[in-house]
């Protein structure tokens, strides 16, 4: 059965092409049972501009290193947790719970945010029959991000999911989310960062920015839109 690593290694090596391709996704937990997701991935062109209103000094930093507001303290550095100490993957949500991501050693997959107002690829181009919704976006070392279609979201940051074991560190908080059916989800506080291997994700109140610390590729996922660089 394919794992998330298999997905990244085998299928996303062609992410620079324009043709859509379908892949098998690792099993996910839903209501305590494993289900197999299948999706189609299509590349996304690089964004034309960085975040609106960024200062010159902030632009000198890699996006996931820019300070988010609020941070843990005006003087103390924002916390960074090596989530690999708790498992191969880490699933988490922003404080608003509208943005949720799954972080692994070879890539990051984030759900399309709840109440998303940005632009997505047309479903007739991105999705095969039966998978008629673009529901996640992925970043890997291969370069531009790609969108995915599937029957399940990329991240399900629930208590019963092994990928929320990073919460044992005490960094995150459990938040009851209307966007996740009234279930409690693992929330990464604004200004805090999770890392696994070469990938880091930093939370804002209503956004998550993830990047590859080697290639400097990054994406920011927010309800108003998805940007990359």
Protein backbone atom coordinates (compact mmCIF):
# COMPACT_ATOMS: atom_id res chain seq x y z
CA UNK A 1 0.00 0.00 0.00
CA UNK A 2 1.42 3.36 -0.98
CA UNK A 3 2.65 5.82 1.64
CA UNK A 4 2.91 9.57 1.45
CA UNK A 5 6.65 9.15 0.76
CA UNK A 6 5.85 6.86 -2.18
CA UNK A 7 3.53 9.52 -3.53
CA UNK A 8 6.15 12.22 -3.36
CA UNK A 9 9.03 10.10 -4.72
CA UNK A 10 7.14 8.40 -7.52
CA UNK A 11 4.62 10.90 -8.78
CA UNK A 12 5.66 14.42 -7.87
CA UNK A 13 9.01 14.15 -9.66
CA UNK A 14 7.02 15.29 -12.71
CA UNK A 15 5.38 18.24 -10.98
CA UNK A 16 6.96 20.69 -13.42
CA UNK A 17 4.84 19.39 -16.31
CA UNK A 18 1.45 20.77 -17.28
CA UNK A 19 -0.24 17.41 -17.73
CA UNK A 20 -2.42 16.13 -14.92
CA UNK A 21 -1.56 12.74 -13.47
CA UNK A 22 -3.36 10.50 -11.00
CA UNK A 23 -1.85 8.85 -7.96
CA UNK A 24 -2.77 6.57 -5.09
CA UNK A 25 -2.72 8.22 -1.69
CA UNK A 26 -1.77 6.59 1.59
CA UNK A 27 -4.60 5.32 3.79
CA UNK A 28 -6.09 7.88 6.15
CA UNK A 29 -8.14 7.53 9.30
CA UNK A 30 -11.79 8.50 9.17
CA UNK A 31 -14.11 7.67 12.04
CA UNK A 32 -11.53 5.13 13.19
CA UNK A 33 -11.33 3.30 9.85
CA UNK A 34 -8.73 3.41 7.12
CA UNK A 35 -9.81 4.54 3.66
CA UNK A 36 -7.73 4.88 0.50
CA UNK A 37 -7.72 8.21 -1.24
CA UNK A 38 -7.09 8.75 -4.91
CA UNK A 39 -6.47 12.06 -6.53
CA UNK A 40 -5.22 13.89 -9.60
CA UNK A 41 -2.39 16.41 -9.31
CA UNK A 42 -1.80 19.37 -11.61
CA UNK A 43 1.02 21.94 -11.43
CA UNK A 44 0.45 25.51 -10.32
CA UNK A 45 2.35 28.37 -12.01
CA UNK A 46 4.62 30.43 -9.75
CA UNK A 47 2.93 33.43 -8.15
CA UNK A 48 3.68 36.79 -9.77
CA UNK A 49 4.18 38.68 -6.52
CA UNK A 50 5.00 38.05 -2.87
CA UNK A 51 2.66 38.91 -0.02
CA UNK A 52 1.04 42.37 -0.19
CA UNK A 53 2.38 44.82 2.33
CA UNK A 54 5.62 42.95 3.17
CA UNK A 55 8.46 45.22 4.18
CA UNK A 56 11.90 45.21 2.55
CA UNK A 57 13.48 43.69 5.64
CA UNK A 58 10.85 40.98 5.81
CA UNK A 59 11.37 40.11 2.16
CA UNK A 60 15.03 39.45 2.96
CA UNK A 61 13.90 36.52 5.09
CA UNK A 62 12.57 33.25 3.80
CA UNK A 63 8.76 33.46 4.09
CA UNK A 64 8.37 30.86 6.83
CA UNK A 65 10.97 32.74 8.92
CA UNK A 66 9.08 36.05 8.87
CA UNK A 67 7.59 36.90 12.26
CA UNK A 68 3.89 36.18 12.58
CA UNK A 69 1.58 38.20 14.82
CA UNK A 70 1.10 37.47 17.61
CA UNK A 71 4.33 35.74 18.57
CA UNK A 72 4.93 33.86 21.80
CA UNK A 73 6.51 36.90 23.50
CA UNK A 74 7.94 40.29 22.41
CA UNK A 75 11.42 39.17 23.41
CA UNK A 76 11.54 35.37 23.34
CA UNK A 77 12.18 33.60 20.02
CA UNK A 78 9.19 31.85 18.50
CA UNK A 79 9.18 28.12 19.36
CA UNK A 80 10.35 25.59 16.77
CA UNK A 81 9.48 21.92 17.37
CA UNK A 82 11.17 18.98 15.63
CA UNK A 83 7.99 16.98 15.10
CA UNK A 84 10.00 13.99 13.84
CA UNK A 85 10.60 13.13 17.51
CA UNK A 86 6.92 12.17 17.73
CA UNK A 87 6.32 10.42 14.42
CA UNK A 88 6.98 10.39 10.69
CA UNK A 89 4.23 12.94 9.99
CA UNK A 90 2.59 15.87 11.75
CA UNK A 91 -0.93 17.09 11.05
CA UNK A 92 -2.10 20.41 12.46
CA UNK A 93 -4.36 23.43 11.93
CA UNK A 94 -4.01 27.19 12.19
CA UNK A 95 -5.61 28.85 15.25
CA UNK A 96 -8.70 29.70 13.16
CA UNK A 97 -8.80 25.99 12.12
CA UNK A 98 -9.68 27.08 8.57
CA UNK A 99 -6.23 25.98 7.33
CA UNK A 100 -4.84 22.49 8.03
CA UNK A 101 -1.66 20.80 6.77
CA UNK A 102 0.17 17.47 6.88
CA UNK A 103 3.96 17.76 7.22
CA UNK A 104 6.32 14.92 6.33
CA UNK A 105 10.01 14.35 5.54
CA UNK A 106 9.50 14.70 1.79
CA UNK A 107 6.76 17.27 1.44
CA UNK A 108 3.80 19.20 2.80
CA UNK A 109 0.15 18.83 1.83
CA UNK A 110 -2.41 21.41 2.97
CA UNK A 111 -6.19 21.33 2.66
CA UNK A 112 -7.79 23.99 0.52
CA UNK A 113 -8.90 26.37 3.30
CA UNK A 114 -12.49 26.51 4.46
CA UNK A 115 -14.41 29.42 2.87
CA UNK A 116 -11.65 29.71 0.26
CA UNK A 117 -11.86 32.90 -1.83
CA UNK A 118 -8.85 32.31 -4.10
CA UNK A 119 -8.56 30.78 -7.55
CA UNK A 120 -8.31 27.02 -8.12
CA UNK A 121 -7.65 25.03 -11.30
CA UNK A 122 -10.85 24.11 -13.17
CA UNK A 123 -12.12 20.77 -11.92
CA UNK A 124 -12.55 19.44 -15.46
CA UNK A 125 -8.80 19.95 -15.96
CA UNK A 126 -7.59 18.94 -12.52
CA UNK A 127 -9.84 16.04 -11.59
CA UNK A 128 -10.79 12.71 -13.07
CA UNK A 129 -14.46 11.61 -12.99
CA UNK A 130 -15.54 10.81 -9.48
CA UNK A 131 -13.01 13.23 -7.98
CA UNK A 132 -14.65 16.48 -8.91
CA UNK A 133 -13.22 18.73 -6.22
CA UNK A 134 -9.76 20.24 -5.81
CA UNK A 135 -9.16 19.77 -2.10
CA UNK A 136 -5.44 20.15 -1.37
CA UNK A 137 -2.18 21.74 -2.42
CA UNK A 138 1.29 20.15 -2.09
CA UNK A 139 4.87 21.43 -1.82
CA UNK A 140 7.88 19.19 -2.49
CA UNK A 141 11.52 19.63 -3.41
CA UNK A 142 10.62 19.30 -7.12
CA UNK A 143 9.62 22.97 -7.33
CA UNK A 144 6.23 24.57 -8.03
CA UNK A 145 3.33 23.49 -5.89
CA UNK A 146 0.66 21.18 -7.30
CA UNK A 147 -3.06 20.91 -6.60
CA UNK A 148 -4.71 17.62 -5.78
CA UNK A 149 -8.20 16.16 -6.14
CA UNK A 150 -9.43 13.53 -3.74
CA UNK A 151 -12.25 12.15 -1.66
CA UNK A 152 -10.59 13.10 1.65
CA UNK A 153 -8.63 16.15 2.80
CA UNK A 154 -4.85 15.94 3.09
CA UNK A 155 -4.88 16.69 6.80
CA UNK A 156 -7.21 15.29 9.46
CA UNK A 157 -5.65 16.66 12.67
CA UNK A 158 -7.89 14.75 15.10
CA UNK A 159 -7.02 13.23 18.47
CA UNK A 160 -7.21 9.64 17.22
CA UNK A 161 -4.75 10.30 14.41
CA UNK A 162 -1.14 9.19 15.06
CA UNK A 163 0.02 12.27 13.14
CA UNK A 164 -1.08 14.51 16.02
CA UNK A 165 1.34 12.85 18.47
CA UNK A 166 3.43 16.06 18.33
CA UNK A 167 0.83 17.53 20.69
CA UNK A 168 2.51 15.53 23.47
CA UNK A 169 5.21 18.22 23.39
CA UNK A 170 2.81 20.70 24.95
CA UNK A 171 3.31 23.23 22.15
CA UNK A 172 -0.14 22.97 20.58
CA UNK A 173 -3.70 23.27 21.85
CA UNK A 174 -6.86 21.25 21.16
CA UNK A 175 -9.56 23.44 19.64
CA UNK A 176 -13.16 22.47 18.89
CA UNK A 177 -13.64 23.37 15.23
CA UNK A 178 -16.89 24.04 13.40
CA UNK A 179 -14.95 23.40 10.19
CA UNK A 180 -14.17 19.84 11.30
CA UNK A 181 -17.68 18.87 12.35
CA UNK A 182 -17.36 20.06 15.93
CA UNK A 183 -14.38 17.77 16.57
CA UNK A 184 -11.26 18.83 18.48
CA UNK A 185 -8.26 19.44 16.23
CA UNK A 186 -4.56 19.97 16.96
CA UNK A 187 -3.76 23.68 16.60
CA UNK A 188 -0.27 25.12 16.11
CA UNK A 189 -0.16 28.51 17.87
CA UNK A 190 0.47 31.62 15.77
CA UNK A 191 4.19 32.26 15.46
CA UNK A 192 5.12 28.65 16.24
CA UNK A 193 6.86 26.29 13.81
CA UNK A 194 6.89 22.55 13.21
CA UNK A 195 9.70 20.95 11.24
CA UNK A 196 10.43 17.51 9.85
CA UNK A 197 13.60 17.03 7.82
CA UNK A 198 14.01 19.89 5.35
CA UNK A 199 10.45 21.13 5.72
CA UNK A 200 9.10 23.77 8.09
CA UNK A 201 5.60 25.14 8.64
CA UNK A 202 4.80 28.29 10.62
CA UNK A 203 1.29 29.23 11.70
CA UNK A 204 -0.45 32.58 11.58
CA UNK A 205 -3.90 33.18 13.05
CA UNK A 206 -5.57 32.30 9.74
CA UNK A 207 -2.77 31.01 7.49
CA UNK A 208 0.12 28.55 7.33
CA UNK A 209 3.41 29.11 5.50
CA UNK A 210 5.56 26.08 4.69
CA UNK A 211 8.96 25.90 3.03
CA UNK A 212 11.85 23.68 2.06
CA UNK A 213 14.92 24.90 3.94
CA UNK A 214 17.28 23.53 1.26
CA UNK A 215 15.61 24.67 -1.97
CA UNK A 216 13.87 27.73 -0.42
CA UNK A 217 10.65 26.83 -2.23
CA UNK A 218 7.66 27.90 -0.13
CA UNK A 219 3.91 28.28 -0.13
CA UNK A 220 1.50 30.29 2.01
CA UNK A 221 -1.99 28.85 2.35
CA UNK A 222 -4.74 31.20 3.50
CA UNK A 223 -8.49 31.56 2.92
CA UNK A 224 -7.91 34.58 0.68
CA UNK A 225 -5.50 32.72 -1.62
CA UNK A 226 -2.45 30.52 -2.06
CA UNK A 227 0.92 32.07 -2.94
CA UNK A 228 4.29 30.44 -3.60
CA UNK A 229 7.87 31.25 -4.36
